[in-house]
């Protein structure tokens, strides 16, 4: 399904940032970490039932590629390749929007995630990065709901 049809069929477009894929391979036994991983798995496993289209972006691929743990990197990449229906490529629009977001204090990769999610018309950007969520919660900052998987 392409993103145009997803909008026409009223499917929810969800951009999962790299934190979500990493969370699935975390060995941390903290309750929040376990709960986030379970919710991310539910989002992925129920995507057809709940009518979610999962998208990714070049920023996810870059961050994933930087993971020094070969086993975790390959597991994340395999899942990513299996579940996303579209990967947002860099464009002049995305680079300009990312630069604007960086000028407002956003970290570089976070700015590319958000600019990519905005460019594809994502309804949600799901991340476990609480600082990223806080930065995006400012009024009129973005049209995308940037949320923790626990609140999805």
C-alpha atoms as a PDB file:
ATOM      1  CA  UNK A   1       0.000   0.000   0.000  1.00  0.00           C
ATOM      2  CA  UNK A   2       1.420   3.390  -0.835  1.00  0.00           C
ATOM      3  CA  UNK A   3       0.977   6.407   1.420  1.00  0.00           C
ATOM      4  CA  UNK A   4      -1.522   8.098  -0.894  1.00  0.00           C
ATOM      5  CA  UNK A   5      -3.865   5.130  -0.594  1.00  0.00           C
ATOM      6  CA  UNK A   6      -3.241   4.956   3.145  1.00  0.00           C
ATOM      7  CA  UNK A   7      -4.609   8.492   3.472  1.00  0.00           C
ATOM      8  CA  UNK A   8      -7.566   7.717   1.199  1.00  0.00           C
ATOM      9  CA  UNK A   9      -8.408   4.588   3.200  1.00  0.00           C
ATOM     10  CA  UNK A  10      -7.992   6.528   6.434  1.00  0.00           C
ATOM     11  CA  UNK A  11      -5.187   4.360   7.731  1.00  0.00           C
ATOM     12  CA  UNK A  12      -3.030   5.923  10.418  1.00  0.00           C
ATOM     13  CA  UNK A  13       0.523   6.668   9.296  1.00  0.00           C
ATOM     14  CA  UNK A  14       3.035   5.901  12.024  1.00  0.00           C
ATOM     15  CA  UNK A  15       6.729   6.754  11.893  1.00  0.00           C
ATOM     16  CA  UNK A  16       8.783   4.684  14.328  1.00  0.00           C
ATOM     17  CA  UNK A  17      12.141   6.272  15.091  1.00  0.00           C
ATOM     18  CA  UNK A  18      15.276   4.264  15.788  1.00  0.00           C
ATOM     19  CA  UNK A  19      14.628   4.308  19.555  1.00  0.00           C
ATOM     20  CA  UNK A  20      11.698   1.964  18.989  1.00  0.00           C
ATOM     21  CA  UNK A  21      13.771  -0.629  17.153  1.00  0.00           C
ATOM     22  CA  UNK A  22      16.539  -0.318  19.736  1.00  0.00           C
ATOM     23  CA  UNK A  23      14.068  -0.736  22.576  1.00  0.00           C
ATOM     24  CA  UNK A  24      13.150  -4.157  21.220  1.00  0.00           C
ATOM     25  CA  UNK A  25      16.727  -5.328  21.669  1.00  0.00           C
ATOM     26  CA  UNK A  26      17.362  -3.646  25.039  1.00  0.00           C
ATOM     27  CA  UNK A  27      18.333  -5.986  27.803  1.00  0.00           C
ATOM     28  CA  UNK A  28      17.330  -3.471  30.460  1.00  0.00           C
ATOM     29  CA  UNK A  29      14.866  -4.985  32.908  1.00  0.00           C
ATOM     30  CA  UNK A  30      13.346  -1.706  34.116  1.00  0.00           C
ATOM     31  CA  UNK A  31       9.536  -1.786  34.131  1.00  0.00           C
ATOM     32  CA  UNK A  32       9.203   1.172  31.734  1.00  0.00           C
ATOM     33  CA  UNK A  33      11.622  -0.388  29.263  1.00  0.00           C
ATOM     34  CA  UNK A  34       9.765  -3.688  29.325  1.00  0.00           C
ATOM     35  CA  UNK A  35       6.403  -1.939  28.953  1.00  0.00           C
ATOM     36  CA  UNK A  36       7.645   0.214  26.042  1.00  0.00           C
ATOM     37  CA  UNK A  37       9.018  -2.835  24.232  1.00  0.00           C
ATOM     38  CA  UNK A  38       5.713  -4.676  24.721  1.00  0.00           C
ATOM     39  CA  UNK A  39       3.751  -1.720  23.350  1.00  0.00           C
ATOM     40  CA  UNK A  40       6.057  -1.375  20.337  1.00  0.00           C
ATOM     41  CA  UNK A  41       5.579  -5.087  19.601  1.00  0.00           C
ATOM     42  CA  UNK A  42       1.801  -4.582  19.860  1.00  0.00           C
ATOM     43  CA  UNK A  43       1.914  -1.664  17.422  1.00  0.00           C
ATOM     44  CA  UNK A  44       3.895  -3.779  14.962  1.00  0.00           C
ATOM     45  CA  UNK A  45       1.867  -6.974  15.420  1.00  0.00           C
ATOM     46  CA  UNK A  46      -1.522  -5.250  15.240  1.00  0.00           C
ATOM     47  CA  UNK A  47      -0.739  -2.888  12.382  1.00  0.00           C
ATOM     48  CA  UNK A  48      -3.164  -4.517   9.953  1.00  0.00           C
ATOM     49  CA  UNK A  49      -5.962  -4.996  12.465  1.00  0.00           C
ATOM     50  CA  UNK A  50      -5.651  -1.429  13.771  1.00  0.00           C
ATOM     51  CA  UNK A  51      -4.976  -0.026  10.288  1.00  0.00           C
ATOM     52  CA  UNK A  52      -1.513   1.452  10.790  1.00  0.00           C
ATOM     53  CA  UNK A  53       0.914   2.052   7.994  1.00  0.00           C
ATOM     54  CA  UNK A  54       4.447   1.961   9.366  1.00  0.00           C
ATOM     55  CA  UNK A  55       7.011   4.197   7.697  1.00  0.00           C
ATOM     56  CA  UNK A  56      10.662   4.821   8.290  1.00  0.00           C
ATOM     57  CA  UNK A  57      13.264   7.199   7.060  1.00  0.00           C
ATOM     58  CA  UNK A  58      16.854   7.598   6.085  1.00  0.00           C
ATOM     59  CA  UNK A  59      17.567   8.861   9.620  1.00  0.00           C
ATOM     60  CA  UNK A  60      16.415   5.517  11.043  1.00  0.00           C
ATOM     61  CA  UNK A  61      18.694   3.661   8.642  1.00  0.00           C
ATOM     62  CA  UNK A  62      21.668   5.873   9.526  1.00  0.00           C
ATOM     63  CA  UNK A  63      21.181   5.465  13.266  1.00  0.00           C
ATOM     64  CA  UNK A  64      20.550   1.758  12.924  1.00  0.00           C
ATOM     65  CA  UNK A  65      23.754   1.395  10.914  1.00  0.00           C
ATOM     66  CA  UNK A  66      25.701   3.103  13.698  1.00  0.00           C
ATOM     67  CA  UNK A  67      24.817   0.382  16.209  1.00  0.00           C
ATOM     68  CA  UNK A  68      28.123  -1.318  17.048  1.00  0.00           C
ATOM     69  CA  UNK A  69      26.438  -4.500  18.250  1.00  0.00           C
ATOM     70  CA  UNK A  70      26.232  -6.613  15.085  1.00  0.00           C
ATOM     71  CA  UNK A  71      23.525  -8.933  16.410  1.00  0.00           C
ATOM     72  CA  UNK A  72      21.260  -6.094  17.570  1.00  0.00           C
ATOM     73  CA  UNK A  73      21.889  -4.049  14.426  1.00  0.00           C
ATOM     74  CA  UNK A  74      21.028  -6.958  12.147  1.00  0.00           C
ATOM     75  CA  UNK A  75      17.916  -7.867  14.162  1.00  0.00           C
ATOM     76  CA  UNK A  76      16.697  -4.272  14.057  1.00  0.00           C
ATOM     77  CA  UNK A  77      17.436  -3.952  10.350  1.00  0.00           C
ATOM     78  CA  UNK A  78      15.656  -7.210   9.532  1.00  0.00           C
ATOM     79  CA  UNK A  79      12.529  -6.103  11.417  1.00  0.00           C
ATOM     80  CA  UNK A  80      12.653  -2.640   9.875  1.00  0.00           C
ATOM     81  CA  UNK A  81      12.911  -4.061   6.360  1.00  0.00           C
ATOM     82  CA  UNK A  82      10.025  -6.423   7.061  1.00  0.00           C
ATOM     83  CA  UNK A  83       7.487  -3.963   8.474  1.00  0.00           C
ATOM     84  CA  UNK A  84       7.872  -0.567   6.841  1.00  0.00           C
ATOM     85  CA  UNK A  85       5.966   0.158   3.685  1.00  0.00           C
ATOM     86  CA  UNK A  86       7.920   3.265   2.757  1.00  0.00           C
ATOM     87  CA  UNK A  87      11.239   4.852   3.662  1.00  0.00           C
ATOM     88  CA  UNK A  88      11.461   8.615   3.450  1.00  0.00           C
ATOM     89  CA  UNK A  89      14.508   9.700   1.453  1.00  0.00           C
ATOM     90  CA  UNK A  90      16.285  13.012   2.016  1.00  0.00           C
ATOM     91  CA  UNK A  91      14.967  15.910  -0.001  1.00  0.00           C
ATOM     92  CA  UNK A  92      15.583  19.654  -0.111  1.00  0.00           C
ATOM     93  CA  UNK A  93      12.312  20.159   1.817  1.00  0.00           C
ATOM     94  CA  UNK A  94      13.334  17.736   4.579  1.00  0.00           C
ATOM     95  CA  UNK A  95      16.847  19.167   4.862  1.00  0.00           C
ATOM     96  CA  UNK A  96      15.495  22.735   5.088  1.00  0.00           C
ATOM     97  CA  UNK A  97      12.919  21.767   7.715  1.00  0.00           C
ATOM     98  CA  UNK A  98      15.560  19.865   9.700  1.00  0.00           C
ATOM     99  CA  UNK A  99      17.819  22.944   9.651  1.00  0.00           C
ATOM    100  CA  UNK A 100      14.914  25.047  10.917  1.00  0.00           C
ATOM    101  CA  UNK A 101      14.257  22.568  13.734  1.00  0.00           C
ATOM    102  CA  UNK A 102      17.946  22.490  14.647  1.00  0.00           C
ATOM    103  CA  UNK A 103      17.943  26.289  14.879  1.00  0.00           C
ATOM    104  CA  UNK A 104      15.211  25.860  17.504  1.00  0.00           C
ATOM    105  CA  UNK A 105      17.461  23.600  19.575  1.00  0.00           C
ATOM    106  CA  UNK A 106      16.551  20.150  18.276  1.00  0.00           C
ATOM    107  CA  UNK A 107      19.278  17.543  17.923  1.00  0.00           C
ATOM    108  CA  UNK A 108      20.327  16.763  14.350  1.00  0.00           C
ATOM    109  CA  UNK A 109      18.957  13.226  13.994  1.00  0.00           C
ATOM    110  CA  UNK A 110      15.750  14.104  15.833  1.00  0.00           C
ATOM    111  CA  UNK A 111      15.244  16.984  13.394  1.00  0.00           C
ATOM    112  CA  UNK A 112      15.578  14.584  10.454  1.00  0.00           C
ATOM    113  CA  UNK A 113      13.134  12.132  12.025  1.00  0.00           C
ATOM    114  CA  UNK A 114      10.541  14.852  12.578  1.00  0.00           C
ATOM    115  CA  UNK A 115      11.062  16.497   9.185  1.00  0.00           C
ATOM    116  CA  UNK A 116      10.695  13.084   7.514  1.00  0.00           C
ATOM    117  CA  UNK A 117       7.531  12.258   9.469  1.00  0.00           C
ATOM    118  CA  UNK A 118       6.052  15.645   8.541  1.00  0.00           C
ATOM    119  CA  UNK A 119       6.986  15.199   4.876  1.00  0.00           C
ATOM    120  CA  UNK A 120       5.016  11.939   4.576  1.00  0.00           C
ATOM    121  CA  UNK A 121       2.050  13.273   6.520  1.00  0.00           C
ATOM    122  CA  UNK A 122       2.544  10.936   9.462  1.00  0.00           C
ATOM    123  CA  UNK A 123      -0.106  11.094  12.118  1.00  0.00           C
ATOM    124  CA  UNK A 124       2.302   9.883  14.799  1.00  0.00           C
ATOM    125  CA  UNK A 125       6.012   9.729  15.402  1.00  0.00           C
ATOM    126  CA  UNK A 126       6.620   7.137  18.098  1.00  0.00           C
ATOM    127  CA  UNK A 127       9.804   7.418  20.145  1.00  0.00           C
ATOM    128  CA  UNK A 128      11.104   6.460  23.572  1.00  0.00           C
ATOM    129  CA  UNK A 129      13.201   9.658  23.704  1.00  0.00           C
ATOM    130  CA  UNK A 130      11.497  11.805  26.327  1.00  0.00           C
ATOM    131  CA  UNK A 131      13.561  14.914  25.503  1.00  0.00           C
ATOM    132  CA  UNK A 132      12.484  14.645  21.862  1.00  0.00           C
ATOM    133  CA  UNK A 133       8.841  14.340  22.926  1.00  0.00           C
ATOM    134  CA  UNK A 134       9.154  17.362  25.225  1.00  0.00           C
ATOM    135  CA  UNK A 135      10.702  19.520  22.485  1.00  0.00           C
ATOM    136  CA  UNK A 136       7.890  18.619  20.089  1.00  0.00           C
ATOM    137  CA  UNK A 137       5.125  19.334  22.585  1.00  0.00           C
ATOM    138  CA  UNK A 138       5.459  23.100  22.216  1.00  0.00           C
ATOM    139  CA  UNK A 139       2.357  24.776  20.752  1.00  0.00           C
ATOM    140  CA  UNK A 140       2.316  24.954  16.946  1.00  0.00           C
ATOM    141  CA  UNK A 141       5.703  23.207  16.724  1.00  0.00           C
ATOM    142  CA  UNK A 142       4.627  20.336  14.459  1.00  0.00           C
ATOM    143  CA  UNK A 143       1.566  18.760  12.911  1.00  0.00           C
ATOM    144  CA  UNK A 144       2.765  15.282  13.929  1.00  0.00           C
ATOM    145  CA  UNK A 145       1.882  13.852  17.342  1.00  0.00           C
ATOM    146  CA  UNK A 146       5.228  12.853  18.829  1.00  0.00           C
ATOM    147  CA  UNK A 147       4.543  10.325  21.562  1.00  0.00           C
ATOM    148  CA  UNK A 148       5.958   7.581  23.713  1.00  0.00           C
ATOM    149  CA  UNK A 149       4.728   4.110  22.725  1.00  0.00           C
ATOM    150  CA  UNK A 150       3.045   3.753  26.127  1.00  0.00           C
ATOM    151  CA  UNK A 151       0.623   6.535  25.146  1.00  0.00           C
ATOM    152  CA  UNK A 152      -0.065   5.349  21.615  1.00  0.00           C
END
